[in-house]
């Protein structure tokens, strides 16, 4: 009789656990779909520094299939010159749960991809050792655009400096021509007018020079 009295409660608990498992499975499938279809590279590596998961976008970003990297060192993701920075991110996780840096990855065809890298500790009840999640967001187009803008700005600065120099020379030339002409004029109102004009141009030249030498024109 006690068994039959307890049976409805047991069945209710079993049903509740079944519903919870179903929700967990749905959530797991949803998270997997999000990672698999993300435009960012998601890599998970173990405490030994071996990659245990790399998302499929690896083929686009690095030119290699994700399965080729599983089991290999996580340091292989970035170029050798940036591996110290990657190690610095790992060391920083001891003090801060999340770390970020801009790194370079080398595509299989030899091209360089700039990425914004973010590292975070991952602790799950099913894994005894600590895992690290590394997310790489491709910012190559942004970096190339910034490089073009910087190059264009330098060209414009050089051109503007050349224009200022030419204006300065032209003002000096006008002063010299007027000074030569004023010497041929007889003393009087005409020469005084020429001298006054020379002084005005000289004042303009001083103002111009002070303006273009300021840091914030």
N, C-alpha and C. Protein backbone atom coordinates (compact mmCIF):
# COMPACT_ATOMS: atom_id res chain seq x y z
N UNK A 1 0.84 -1.22 0.00
CA UNK A 1 0.00 0.00 0.00
C UNK A 1 0.86 1.26 0.00
N UNK A 2 1.98 1.25 0.78
CA UNK A 2 2.86 2.41 0.79
C UNK A 2 3.46 2.69 -0.57
N UNK A 3 3.78 1.60 -1.30
CA UNK A 3 4.35 1.76 -2.64
C UNK A 3 3.38 2.48 -3.55
N UNK A 4 2.11 2.03 -3.50
CA UNK A 4 1.12 2.64 -4.38
C UNK A 4 0.81 4.09 -3.99
N UNK A 5 0.95 4.39 -2.72
CA UNK A 5 0.74 5.77 -2.29
C UNK A 5 1.87 6.69 -2.77
N UNK A 6 3.09 6.13 -2.79
CA UNK A 6 4.25 6.93 -3.21
C UNK A 6 4.42 6.99 -4.72
N UNK A 7 3.80 6.08 -5.42
CA UNK A 7 4.00 5.98 -6.87
C UNK A 7 3.67 7.28 -7.62
N UNK A 8 2.52 7.95 -7.33
CA UNK A 8 2.23 9.20 -8.06
C UNK A 8 3.32 10.25 -7.88
N UNK A 9 3.87 10.34 -6.65
CA UNK A 9 4.92 11.32 -6.41
C UNK A 9 6.19 10.97 -7.18
N UNK A 10 6.50 9.67 -7.21
CA UNK A 10 7.67 9.22 -7.95
C UNK A 10 7.51 9.51 -9.44
N UNK A 11 6.36 9.22 -9.97
CA UNK A 11 6.10 9.47 -11.39
C UNK A 11 6.16 10.97 -11.71
N UNK A 12 5.65 11.78 -10.77
CA UNK A 12 5.70 13.23 -10.98
C UNK A 12 7.13 13.73 -11.03
N UNK A 13 7.98 13.19 -10.12
CA UNK A 13 9.39 13.59 -10.11
C UNK A 13 10.10 13.14 -11.39
N UNK A 14 9.79 11.94 -11.83
CA UNK A 14 10.39 11.43 -13.07
C UNK A 14 9.99 12.31 -14.26
N UNK A 15 8.70 12.67 -14.30
CA UNK A 15 8.21 13.52 -15.38
C UNK A 15 8.89 14.90 -15.36
N UNK A 16 9.06 15.44 -14.09
CA UNK A 16 9.71 16.74 -13.95
C UNK A 16 11.16 16.68 -14.43
N UNK A 17 11.87 15.62 -14.05
CA UNK A 17 13.25 15.44 -14.49
C UNK A 17 13.33 15.29 -16.00
N UNK A 18 12.34 14.60 -16.56
CA UNK A 18 12.32 14.44 -18.02
C UNK A 18 12.14 15.77 -18.72
N UNK A 19 11.26 16.63 -18.16
CA UNK A 19 11.05 17.95 -18.75
C UNK A 19 12.32 18.80 -18.64
N UNK A 20 12.99 18.73 -17.47
CA UNK A 20 14.23 19.49 -17.28
C UNK A 20 15.30 19.04 -18.26
N UNK A 21 15.41 17.71 -18.43
CA UNK A 21 16.40 17.19 -19.38
C UNK A 21 16.09 17.66 -20.80
N UNK A 22 14.79 17.67 -21.13
CA UNK A 22 14.41 18.13 -22.46
C UNK A 22 14.79 19.58 -22.68
N UNK A 23 14.56 20.41 -21.64
CA UNK A 23 14.94 21.83 -21.75
C UNK A 23 16.45 21.99 -21.88
N UNK A 24 17.19 21.18 -21.10
CA UNK A 24 18.66 21.25 -21.18
C UNK A 24 19.14 20.85 -22.56
N UNK A 25 18.52 19.81 -23.12
CA UNK A 25 18.90 19.37 -24.46
C UNK A 25 18.61 20.46 -25.48
N UNK A 26 17.44 21.11 -25.35
CA UNK A 26 17.09 22.19 -26.28
C UNK A 26 18.07 23.35 -26.16
N UNK A 27 18.40 23.70 -24.90
CA UNK A 27 19.35 24.79 -24.68
C UNK A 27 20.73 24.44 -25.25
N UNK A 28 21.15 23.20 -25.05
CA UNK A 28 22.44 22.76 -25.57
C UNK A 28 22.47 22.82 -27.09
N UNK A 29 21.39 22.37 -27.73
CA UNK A 29 21.31 22.42 -29.19
C UNK A 29 21.31 23.86 -29.68
N UNK A 30 20.60 24.76 -28.97
CA UNK A 30 20.55 26.16 -29.36
C UNK A 30 21.94 26.80 -29.26
N UNK A 31 22.64 26.56 -28.13
CA UNK A 31 23.97 27.13 -27.96
C UNK A 31 24.94 26.59 -29.00
N UNK A 32 24.83 25.29 -29.31
CA UNK A 32 25.69 24.70 -30.35
C UNK A 32 25.44 25.35 -31.70
N UNK A 33 24.16 25.59 -32.02
CA UNK A 33 23.81 26.21 -33.30
C UNK A 33 24.35 27.63 -33.38
N UNK A 34 24.26 28.37 -32.25
CA UNK A 34 24.76 29.75 -32.23
C UNK A 34 26.26 29.77 -32.48
N UNK A 35 27.01 28.89 -31.79
CA UNK A 35 28.47 28.85 -31.95
C UNK A 35 28.84 28.39 -33.36
N UNK A 36 28.14 27.36 -33.85
CA UNK A 36 28.48 26.81 -35.16
C UNK A 36 28.24 27.81 -36.28
N UNK A 37 27.26 28.69 -36.13
CA UNK A 37 26.92 29.64 -37.18
C UNK A 37 27.44 31.05 -36.90
N UNK A 38 28.21 31.21 -35.84
CA UNK A 38 28.76 32.53 -35.52
C UNK A 38 29.85 32.91 -36.52
N UNK A 39 29.95 34.21 -36.82
CA UNK A 39 31.00 34.69 -37.72
C UNK A 39 32.34 34.82 -36.98
N UNK A 40 32.32 34.67 -35.65
CA UNK A 40 33.54 34.72 -34.85
C UNK A 40 34.07 33.30 -34.62
N UNK A 41 35.39 33.19 -34.60
CA UNK A 41 36.01 31.90 -34.31
C UNK A 41 35.96 31.66 -32.80
N UNK A 42 35.45 30.50 -32.41
CA UNK A 42 35.39 30.11 -31.00
C UNK A 42 36.27 28.89 -30.82
N UNK A 43 37.26 28.99 -29.95
CA UNK A 43 38.17 27.87 -29.67
C UNK A 43 38.18 27.61 -28.17
N UNK A 44 38.20 26.34 -27.81
CA UNK A 44 38.27 25.94 -26.40
C UNK A 44 39.51 25.08 -26.24
N UNK A 45 40.32 25.43 -25.25
CA UNK A 45 41.51 24.61 -25.01
C UNK A 45 41.61 24.27 -23.54
N UNK A 46 42.30 23.16 -23.30
CA UNK A 46 42.41 22.61 -21.94
C UNK A 46 43.57 23.25 -21.20
N UNK A 47 43.71 22.86 -19.95
CA UNK A 47 44.79 23.38 -19.13
C UNK A 47 46.16 23.01 -19.65
N UNK A 48 46.24 21.92 -20.45
CA UNK A 48 47.51 21.52 -21.04
C UNK A 48 47.86 22.31 -22.29
N UNK A 49 46.95 23.22 -22.69
CA UNK A 49 47.22 24.04 -23.87
C UNK A 49 46.87 23.38 -25.18
N UNK A 50 46.04 22.32 -25.14
CA UNK A 50 45.62 21.64 -26.35
C UNK A 50 44.19 22.05 -26.71
N UNK A 51 43.98 22.26 -27.98
CA UNK A 51 42.64 22.63 -28.44
C UNK A 51 41.72 21.42 -28.38
N UNK A 52 40.56 21.61 -27.76
CA UNK A 52 39.58 20.53 -27.68
C UNK A 52 38.37 20.82 -28.56
N UNK A 53 38.23 22.08 -29.00
CA UNK A 53 37.14 22.44 -29.91
C UNK A 53 37.52 23.70 -30.67
N UNK A 54 37.21 23.71 -31.97
CA UNK A 54 37.39 24.91 -32.80
C UNK A 54 36.17 25.00 -33.71
N UNK A 55 35.51 26.15 -33.72
CA UNK A 55 34.28 26.30 -34.49
C UNK A 55 34.56 26.27 -36.00
N UNK A 56 33.55 25.93 -36.82
CA UNK A 56 33.74 25.76 -38.26
C UNK A 56 34.24 27.00 -39.00
N UNK A 57 34.02 28.21 -38.45
CA UNK A 57 34.46 29.43 -39.14
C UNK A 57 35.98 29.46 -39.27
N UNK A 58 36.65 28.53 -38.58
CA UNK A 58 38.10 28.39 -38.69
C UNK A 58 38.53 28.24 -40.14
N UNK A 59 37.72 27.55 -40.95
CA UNK A 59 38.05 27.33 -42.35
C UNK A 59 38.11 28.65 -43.11
N UNK A 60 37.22 29.59 -42.75
CA UNK A 60 37.20 30.90 -43.40
C UNK A 60 38.33 31.78 -42.91
N UNK A 61 38.56 31.79 -41.61
CA UNK A 61 39.54 32.70 -41.01
C UNK A 61 40.97 32.22 -41.23
N UNK A 62 41.21 30.91 -41.08
CA UNK A 62 42.57 30.38 -41.14
C UNK A 62 42.84 29.52 -42.36
N UNK A 63 41.79 29.14 -43.08
CA UNK A 63 41.99 28.32 -44.26
C UNK A 63 42.21 26.86 -43.97
N UNK A 64 41.99 26.41 -42.73
CA UNK A 64 42.13 25.00 -42.37
C UNK A 64 40.84 24.54 -41.72
N UNK A 65 40.56 23.25 -41.85
CA UNK A 65 39.36 22.70 -41.24
C UNK A 65 39.54 22.62 -39.73
N UNK A 66 38.45 22.82 -38.98
CA UNK A 66 38.54 22.87 -37.53
C UNK A 66 39.09 21.56 -36.95
N UNK A 67 38.76 20.43 -37.59
CA UNK A 67 39.25 19.14 -37.07
C UNK A 67 40.77 19.03 -37.13
N UNK A 68 41.38 19.79 -38.06
CA UNK A 68 42.83 19.73 -38.19
C UNK A 68 43.54 20.33 -36.98
N UNK A 69 42.88 21.23 -36.26
CA UNK A 69 43.51 21.90 -35.13
C UNK A 69 43.23 21.22 -33.80
N UNK A 70 42.18 20.44 -33.72
CA UNK A 70 41.84 19.79 -32.45
C UNK A 70 42.98 18.85 -32.04
N UNK A 71 43.42 19.00 -30.80
CA UNK A 71 44.52 18.20 -30.28
C UNK A 71 45.87 18.86 -30.43
N UNK A 72 45.92 19.95 -31.18
CA UNK A 72 47.19 20.66 -31.37
C UNK A 72 47.27 21.85 -30.41
N UNK A 73 48.43 22.48 -30.38
CA UNK A 73 48.63 23.59 -29.45
C UNK A 73 47.78 24.79 -29.84
N UNK A 74 47.19 25.42 -28.86
CA UNK A 74 46.37 26.61 -29.11
C UNK A 74 47.20 27.78 -29.60
N UNK A 75 48.53 27.74 -29.39
CA UNK A 75 49.41 28.82 -29.82
C UNK A 75 49.51 28.91 -31.34
N UNK A 76 49.16 27.81 -32.02
CA UNK A 76 49.27 27.79 -33.48
C UNK A 76 48.23 28.68 -34.15
N UNK A 77 47.25 29.14 -33.41
CA UNK A 77 46.20 29.97 -34.01
C UNK A 77 46.75 31.32 -34.46
N UNK A 78 47.70 31.89 -33.70
CA UNK A 78 48.21 33.22 -34.02
C UNK A 78 49.62 33.13 -34.59
N UNK A 79 50.09 34.23 -35.20
CA UNK A 79 51.44 34.25 -35.77
C UNK A 79 52.46 34.20 -34.63
N UNK A 80 53.67 33.70 -34.89
CA UNK A 80 54.68 33.58 -33.83
C UNK A 80 54.96 34.89 -33.11
N UNK A 81 54.91 36.02 -33.84
CA UNK A 81 55.23 37.31 -33.23
C UNK A 81 54.22 37.74 -32.16
N UNK A 82 53.00 37.18 -32.21
CA UNK A 82 51.95 37.59 -31.26
C UNK A 82 51.70 36.54 -30.18
N UNK A 83 52.51 35.49 -30.13
CA UNK A 83 52.27 34.44 -29.16
C UNK A 83 52.58 34.89 -27.74
N UNK A 84 53.52 35.82 -27.59
CA UNK A 84 53.78 36.37 -26.25
C UNK A 84 52.57 37.11 -25.73
N UNK A 85 51.90 37.85 -26.63
CA UNK A 85 50.69 38.57 -26.22
C UNK A 85 49.59 37.60 -25.83
N UNK A 86 49.50 36.47 -26.53
CA UNK A 86 48.51 35.46 -26.19
C UNK A 86 48.80 34.84 -24.83
N UNK A 87 50.08 34.60 -24.56
CA UNK A 87 50.47 34.09 -23.24
C UNK A 87 50.17 35.11 -22.15
N UNK A 88 50.34 36.40 -22.48
CA UNK A 88 50.02 37.46 -21.53
C UNK A 88 48.54 37.47 -21.20
N UNK A 89 47.68 37.19 -22.19
CA UNK A 89 46.24 37.11 -21.92
C UNK A 89 45.95 35.96 -20.95
N UNK A 90 46.61 34.83 -21.19
CA UNK A 90 46.41 33.67 -20.31
C UNK A 90 46.85 33.99 -18.88
N UNK A 91 48.00 34.65 -18.74
CA UNK A 91 48.50 35.00 -17.41
C UNK A 91 47.56 35.99 -16.73
N UNK A 92 46.97 36.88 -17.50
CA UNK A 92 46.05 37.88 -16.93
C UNK A 92 44.77 37.29 -16.41
N UNK A 93 44.42 36.08 -16.86
CA UNK A 93 43.19 35.45 -16.39
C UNK A 93 43.26 35.07 -14.92
N UNK A 94 44.46 35.02 -14.37
CA UNK A 94 44.58 34.70 -12.94
C UNK A 94 44.03 35.83 -12.08
N UNK A 95 44.09 37.05 -12.61
CA UNK A 95 43.62 38.22 -11.86
C UNK A 95 42.26 38.71 -12.34
N UNK A 96 41.97 38.47 -13.60
CA UNK A 96 40.72 38.97 -14.18
C UNK A 96 40.10 37.87 -15.02
N UNK A 97 38.77 37.71 -14.90
CA UNK A 97 38.10 36.59 -15.55
C UNK A 97 38.11 36.69 -17.07
N UNK A 98 38.24 37.92 -17.62
CA UNK A 98 38.22 38.10 -19.06
C UNK A 98 39.43 38.95 -19.47
N UNK A 99 40.01 38.60 -20.62
CA UNK A 99 41.14 39.34 -21.17
C UNK A 99 40.89 39.60 -22.65
N UNK A 100 41.42 40.72 -23.15
CA UNK A 100 41.23 41.07 -24.56
C UNK A 100 42.53 41.62 -25.14
N UNK A 101 42.73 41.39 -26.43
CA UNK A 101 43.91 41.90 -27.12
C UNK A 101 43.66 41.83 -28.62
N UNK A 102 44.41 42.62 -29.38
CA UNK A 102 44.36 42.56 -30.84
C UNK A 102 45.56 41.77 -31.33
N UNK A 103 45.29 40.69 -32.06
CA UNK A 103 46.34 39.77 -32.49
C UNK A 103 46.24 39.54 -34.00
N UNK A 104 47.25 38.83 -34.52
CA UNK A 104 47.27 38.50 -35.93
C UNK A 104 47.25 36.98 -36.12
N UNK A 105 46.45 36.54 -37.08
CA UNK A 105 46.41 35.13 -37.47
C UNK A 105 46.88 35.03 -38.92
N UNK A 106 47.53 33.91 -39.23
CA UNK A 106 47.99 33.71 -40.60
C UNK A 106 47.09 32.70 -41.31
N UNK A 107 46.52 33.15 -42.43
CA UNK A 107 45.70 32.26 -43.25
C UNK A 107 46.60 31.25 -43.96
N UNK A 108 46.02 30.14 -44.37
CA UNK A 108 46.79 29.09 -45.04
C UNK A 108 47.45 29.61 -46.32
N UNK A 109 46.82 30.63 -46.98
CA UNK A 109 47.40 31.17 -48.21
C UNK A 109 48.48 32.22 -47.94
N UNK A 110 48.80 32.46 -46.66
CA UNK A 110 49.87 33.38 -46.31
C UNK A 110 49.41 34.78 -45.92
N UNK A 111 48.15 35.11 -46.16
CA UNK A 111 47.65 36.44 -45.80
C UNK A 111 47.47 36.53 -44.29
N UNK A 112 47.49 37.78 -43.80
CA UNK A 112 47.35 38.04 -42.37
C UNK A 112 45.94 38.54 -42.07
N UNK A 113 45.35 37.99 -41.03
CA UNK A 113 44.03 38.43 -40.55
C UNK A 113 44.21 39.04 -39.16
N UNK A 114 43.75 40.28 -38.99
CA UNK A 114 43.76 40.93 -37.68
C UNK A 114 42.49 40.52 -36.94
N UNK A 115 42.63 40.16 -35.67
CA UNK A 115 41.47 39.73 -34.88
C UNK A 115 41.48 40.40 -33.52
N UNK A 116 40.29 40.65 -33.02
CA UNK A 116 40.11 41.06 -31.62
C UNK A 116 39.89 39.78 -30.83
N UNK A 117 40.83 39.44 -29.99
CA UNK A 117 40.78 38.19 -29.23
C UNK A 117 40.29 38.44 -27.81
N UNK A 118 39.43 37.57 -27.35
CA UNK A 118 38.94 37.63 -25.97
C UNK A 118 39.06 36.24 -25.36
N UNK A 119 39.65 36.19 -24.18
CA UNK A 119 39.83 34.91 -23.48
C UNK A 119 39.05 34.94 -22.17
N UNK A 120 38.50 33.80 -21.81
CA UNK A 120 37.73 33.69 -20.57
C UNK A 120 37.86 32.28 -20.02
N UNK A 121 37.83 32.19 -18.69
CA UNK A 121 37.85 30.88 -18.04
C UNK A 121 36.48 30.21 -18.17
N UNK A 122 36.50 28.91 -18.35
CA UNK A 122 35.27 28.15 -18.47
C UNK A 122 35.31 26.99 -17.48
N UNK A 123 34.44 27.06 -16.50
CA UNK A 123 34.33 25.98 -15.50
C UNK A 123 32.96 25.34 -15.64
N UNK A 124 32.94 24.02 -15.86
CA UNK A 124 31.68 23.30 -15.98
C UNK A 124 31.67 22.14 -14.98
N UNK A 125 30.50 21.74 -14.54
CA UNK A 125 30.42 20.63 -13.58
C UNK A 125 30.94 19.31 -14.15
N UNK A 126 30.94 19.19 -15.49
CA UNK A 126 31.32 17.92 -16.11
C UNK A 126 32.82 17.81 -16.36
N UNK A 127 33.55 18.92 -16.22
CA UNK A 127 34.99 18.89 -16.47
C UNK A 127 35.74 19.20 -15.19
N UNK A 128 36.69 18.33 -14.86
CA UNK A 128 37.46 18.53 -13.63
C UNK A 128 38.49 19.64 -13.80
N UNK A 129 39.08 19.76 -15.00
CA UNK A 129 40.10 20.76 -15.22
C UNK A 129 39.51 22.03 -15.83
N UNK A 130 40.23 23.11 -15.68
CA UNK A 130 39.77 24.40 -16.20
C UNK A 130 39.96 24.47 -17.70
N UNK A 131 38.96 24.99 -18.38
CA UNK A 131 39.02 25.21 -19.82
C UNK A 131 39.10 26.72 -20.08
N UNK A 132 39.69 27.07 -21.21
CA UNK A 132 39.78 28.47 -21.63
C UNK A 132 39.05 28.62 -22.95
N UNK A 133 38.16 29.60 -23.02
CA UNK A 133 37.44 29.91 -24.26
C UNK A 133 38.10 31.11 -24.90
N UNK A 134 38.49 30.96 -26.17
CA UNK A 134 39.11 32.04 -26.92
C UNK A 134 38.20 32.40 -28.08
N UNK A 135 37.77 33.66 -28.13
CA UNK A 135 36.90 34.13 -29.21
C UNK A 135 37.69 35.11 -30.07
N UNK A 136 37.68 34.89 -31.38
CA UNK A 136 38.42 35.74 -32.31
C UNK A 136 37.45 36.40 -33.28
N UNK A 137 37.43 37.73 -33.26
CA UNK A 137 36.56 38.51 -34.15
C UNK A 137 37.41 39.16 -35.23
N UNK A 138 37.13 38.86 -36.47
CA UNK A 138 37.93 39.36 -37.59
C UNK A 138 37.74 40.87 -37.77
N UNK A 139 38.83 41.63 -37.64
CA UNK A 139 38.78 43.09 -37.82
C UNK A 139 39.77 43.52 -38.90
N UNK A 140 40.08 42.60 -39.83
CA UNK A 140 41.05 42.89 -40.87
C UNK A 140 40.62 44.08 -41.73
N UNK A 141 39.36 44.08 -42.16
CA UNK A 141 38.86 45.16 -43.01
C UNK A 141 38.95 46.50 -42.28
N UNK A 142 38.64 46.50 -40.99
CA UNK A 142 38.72 47.74 -40.19
C UNK A 142 40.16 48.23 -40.10
N UNK A 143 41.11 47.31 -39.84
CA UNK A 143 42.52 47.70 -39.73
C UNK A 143 43.06 48.21 -41.07
N UNK A 144 42.66 47.58 -42.17
CA UNK A 144 43.10 48.04 -43.48
C UNK A 144 42.53 49.42 -43.79
N UNK A 145 41.27 49.64 -43.40
CA UNK A 145 40.66 50.96 -43.61
C UNK A 145 41.39 52.01 -42.78
N UNK A 146 41.71 51.68 -41.52
CA UNK A 146 42.44 52.62 -40.66
C UNK A 146 43.82 52.92 -41.23
N UNK A 147 44.48 51.90 -41.80
CA UNK A 147 45.80 52.11 -42.40
C UNK A 147 45.71 53.03 -43.61
N UNK A 148 44.67 52.82 -44.43
CA UNK A 148 44.49 53.71 -45.60
C UNK A 148 44.20 55.13 -45.16
N UNK A 149 43.36 55.29 -44.13
CA UNK A 149 43.04 56.63 -43.64
C UNK A 149 44.28 57.32 -43.08
N UNK A 150 45.11 56.56 -42.34
CA UNK A 150 46.32 57.13 -41.77
C UNK A 150 47.30 57.55 -42.87
N UNK A 151 47.42 56.71 -43.91
CA UNK A 151 48.30 57.04 -45.03
C UNK A 151 47.80 58.28 -45.77
N UNK A 152 46.47 58.33 -45.96
CA UNK A 152 45.87 59.49 -46.64
C UNK A 152 46.07 60.76 -45.82
N UNK A 153 45.93 60.64 -44.48
CA UNK A 153 46.12 61.80 -43.62
C UNK A 153 47.55 62.32 -43.68
N UNK A 154 48.52 61.39 -43.70
CA UNK A 154 49.93 61.81 -43.79
C UNK A 154 50.19 62.52 -45.11
N UNK A 155 49.61 62.00 -46.21
CA UNK A 155 49.77 62.64 -47.52
C UNK A 155 49.19 64.06 -47.49
N UNK A 156 48.02 64.21 -46.88
CA UNK A 156 47.38 65.52 -46.82
C UNK A 156 48.21 66.48 -45.96
N UNK A 157 48.80 65.97 -44.87
CA UNK A 157 49.64 66.81 -44.01
C UNK A 157 50.86 67.31 -44.77
N UNK A 158 51.47 66.42 -45.56
CA UNK A 158 52.63 66.81 -46.37
C UNK A 158 52.22 67.86 -47.40
N UNK A 159 51.08 67.62 -48.06
CA UNK A 159 50.60 68.56 -49.07
C UNK A 159 50.27 69.91 -48.45
N UNK A 160 49.62 69.90 -47.30
CA UNK A 160 49.26 71.15 -46.63
C UNK A 160 50.52 71.92 -46.20
N UNK A 161 51.52 71.18 -45.71
CA UNK A 161 52.78 71.82 -45.34
C UNK A 161 53.45 72.47 -46.54
N UNK A 162 53.38 71.79 -47.69
CA UNK A 162 53.96 72.35 -48.91
C UNK A 162 53.22 73.62 -49.34
N UNK A 163 51.89 73.59 -49.20
CA UNK A 163 51.10 74.78 -49.55
C UNK A 163 51.46 75.96 -48.65
N UNK A 164 51.56 75.70 -47.34
CA UNK A 164 51.94 76.77 -46.40
C UNK A 164 53.31 77.34 -46.76
N UNK A 165 54.23 76.46 -47.12
CA UNK A 165 55.59 76.92 -47.47
C UNK A 165 55.55 77.80 -48.71
N UNK A 166 54.75 77.40 -49.69
CA UNK A 166 54.64 78.19 -50.93
C UNK A 166 53.99 79.55 -50.66
N UNK A 167 52.95 79.56 -49.81
CA UNK A 167 52.30 80.83 -49.47
C UNK A 167 53.30 81.76 -48.79
N UNK A 168 54.08 81.21 -47.86
CA UNK A 168 55.11 82.00 -47.17
C UNK A 168 56.11 82.58 -48.16
N UNK A 169 56.57 81.77 -49.09
CA UNK A 169 57.53 82.23 -50.10
C UNK A 169 56.91 83.31 -50.99
N UNK A 170 55.65 83.13 -51.37
CA UNK A 170 54.99 84.10 -52.23
C UNK A 170 54.84 85.46 -51.53
N UNK A 171 54.49 85.42 -50.24
CA UNK A 171 54.37 86.67 -49.49
C UNK A 171 55.72 87.37 -49.38
N UNK A 172 56.79 86.59 -49.16
CA UNK A 172 58.13 87.18 -49.11
C UNK A 172 58.53 87.76 -50.46
N UNK A 173 58.13 87.07 -51.54
CA UNK A 173 58.46 87.56 -52.89
C UNK A 173 57.74 88.88 -53.17
N UNK A 174 56.46 88.96 -52.79
CA UNK A 174 55.70 90.20 -52.99
C UNK A 174 56.33 91.35 -52.20
N UNK A 175 56.75 91.07 -50.96
CA UNK A 175 57.41 92.11 -50.15
C UNK A 175 58.69 92.58 -50.82
N UNK A 176 59.46 91.65 -51.34
CA UNK A 176 60.73 92.02 -51.98
C UNK A 176 60.49 92.87 -53.22
N UNK A 177 59.49 92.48 -54.03
CA UNK A 177 59.21 93.25 -55.25
C UNK A 177 58.74 94.66 -54.90
N UNK A 178 57.88 94.78 -53.90
CA UNK A 178 57.40 96.10 -53.50
C UNK A 178 58.53 96.94 -52.91
N UNK A 179 59.43 96.30 -52.16
CA UNK A 179 60.55 97.03 -51.57
C UNK A 179 61.48 97.56 -52.67
N UNK A 180 61.71 96.74 -53.69
CA UNK A 180 62.55 97.18 -54.82
C UNK A 180 61.88 98.33 -55.55
N UNK A 181 60.56 98.24 -55.74
CA UNK A 181 59.84 99.30 -56.44
C UNK A 181 59.80 100.59 -55.64
N UNK A 182 59.66 100.44 -54.31
CA UNK A 182 59.57 101.66 -53.48
C UNK A 182 60.87 102.45 -53.49
N UNK A 183 61.99 101.78 -53.70
CA UNK A 183 63.28 102.49 -53.74
C UNK A 183 63.39 103.40 -54.96
N UNK A 184 62.62 103.07 -55.98
CA UNK A 184 62.66 103.88 -57.21
C UNK A 184 61.71 105.08 -57.13
N UNK A 185 60.84 105.08 -56.10
CA UNK A 185 59.88 106.17 -55.97
C UNK A 185 60.52 107.35 -55.23
N UNK A 186 60.13 108.55 -55.59
CA UNK A 186 60.64 109.72 -54.86
C UNK A 186 60.03 109.76 -53.46
N UNK A 187 60.76 110.38 -52.56
CA UNK A 187 60.24 110.52 -51.20
C UNK A 187 58.93 111.29 -51.22
N UNK A 188 57.98 110.76 -50.47
CA UNK A 188 56.69 111.43 -50.45
C UNK A 188 55.57 110.44 -50.20
N UNK A 189 54.39 110.83 -50.62
CA UNK A 189 53.20 110.04 -50.32
C UNK A 189 53.23 108.67 -50.99
N UNK A 190 53.70 108.59 -52.21
CA UNK A 190 53.72 107.33 -52.95
C UNK A 190 54.64 106.31 -52.27
N UNK A 191 55.86 106.76 -51.87
CA UNK A 191 56.77 105.84 -51.20
C UNK A 191 56.22 105.42 -49.84
N UNK A 192 55.61 106.35 -49.12
CA UNK A 192 55.03 106.03 -47.81
C UNK A 192 53.91 105.00 -47.96
N UNK A 193 53.11 105.15 -49.04
CA UNK A 193 52.03 104.19 -49.29
C UNK A 193 52.60 102.81 -49.60
N UNK A 194 53.68 102.76 -50.37
CA UNK A 194 54.32 101.47 -50.69
C UNK A 194 54.89 100.83 -49.43
N UNK A 195 55.54 101.63 -48.58
CA UNK A 195 56.10 101.11 -47.34
C UNK A 195 55.00 100.55 -46.42
N UNK A 196 53.87 101.26 -46.38
CA UNK A 196 52.76 100.80 -45.57
C UNK A 196 52.22 99.47 -46.09
N UNK A 197 52.16 99.33 -47.42
CA UNK A 197 51.70 98.07 -48.02
C UNK A 197 52.65 96.94 -47.68
N UNK A 198 53.96 97.23 -47.72
CA UNK A 198 54.96 96.21 -47.37
C UNK A 198 54.76 95.76 -45.93
N UNK A 199 54.52 96.69 -45.02
CA UNK A 199 54.31 96.35 -43.62
C UNK A 199 53.05 95.49 -43.43
N UNK A 200 52.01 95.81 -44.20
CA UNK A 200 50.77 95.02 -44.10
C UNK A 200 51.01 93.58 -44.56
N UNK A 201 51.72 93.42 -45.67
CA UNK A 201 52.02 92.08 -46.18
C UNK A 201 52.91 91.33 -45.19
N UNK A 202 53.86 92.05 -44.59
CA UNK A 202 54.73 91.43 -43.58
C UNK A 202 53.90 90.95 -42.38
N UNK A 203 52.91 91.76 -41.98
CA UNK A 203 52.03 91.36 -40.87
C UNK A 203 51.21 90.12 -41.25
N UNK A 204 50.73 90.09 -42.48
CA UNK A 204 49.99 88.93 -42.96
C UNK A 204 50.87 87.68 -42.94
N UNK A 205 52.13 87.84 -43.35
CA UNK A 205 53.06 86.71 -43.36
C UNK A 205 53.31 86.19 -41.94
N UNK A 206 53.44 87.09 -40.98
CA UNK A 206 53.66 86.67 -39.59
C UNK A 206 52.44 85.93 -39.04
N UNK A 207 51.26 86.45 -39.32
CA UNK A 207 50.03 85.80 -38.86
C UNK A 207 49.89 84.41 -39.49
N UNK A 208 50.16 84.35 -40.79
CA UNK A 208 50.07 83.07 -41.50
C UNK A 208 51.04 82.03 -40.91
N UNK A 209 52.29 82.47 -40.64
CA UNK A 209 53.28 81.55 -40.10
C UNK A 209 52.88 81.07 -38.71
N UNK A 210 52.37 81.99 -37.90
CA UNK A 210 51.96 81.58 -36.55
C UNK A 210 50.79 80.59 -36.62
N UNK A 211 49.89 80.80 -37.54
CA UNK A 211 48.73 79.91 -37.67
C UNK A 211 49.16 78.51 -38.08
N UNK A 212 49.98 78.40 -39.15
CA UNK A 212 50.27 77.05 -39.63
C UNK A 212 51.29 76.32 -38.76
N UNK A 213 51.93 77.01 -37.84
CA UNK A 213 52.85 76.33 -36.91
C UNK A 213 52.15 75.87 -35.63
N UNK A 214 50.88 76.28 -35.43
CA UNK A 214 50.17 75.82 -34.25
C UNK A 214 49.83 74.33 -34.39
N UNK A 215 49.76 73.61 -33.25
CA UNK A 215 49.48 72.18 -33.29
C UNK A 215 48.05 71.89 -33.72
N UNK A 216 47.11 72.76 -33.35
CA UNK A 216 45.70 72.55 -33.68
C UNK A 216 45.25 73.69 -34.59
N UNK A 217 45.50 73.52 -35.90
CA UNK A 217 45.21 74.60 -36.83
C UNK A 217 43.72 74.91 -36.90
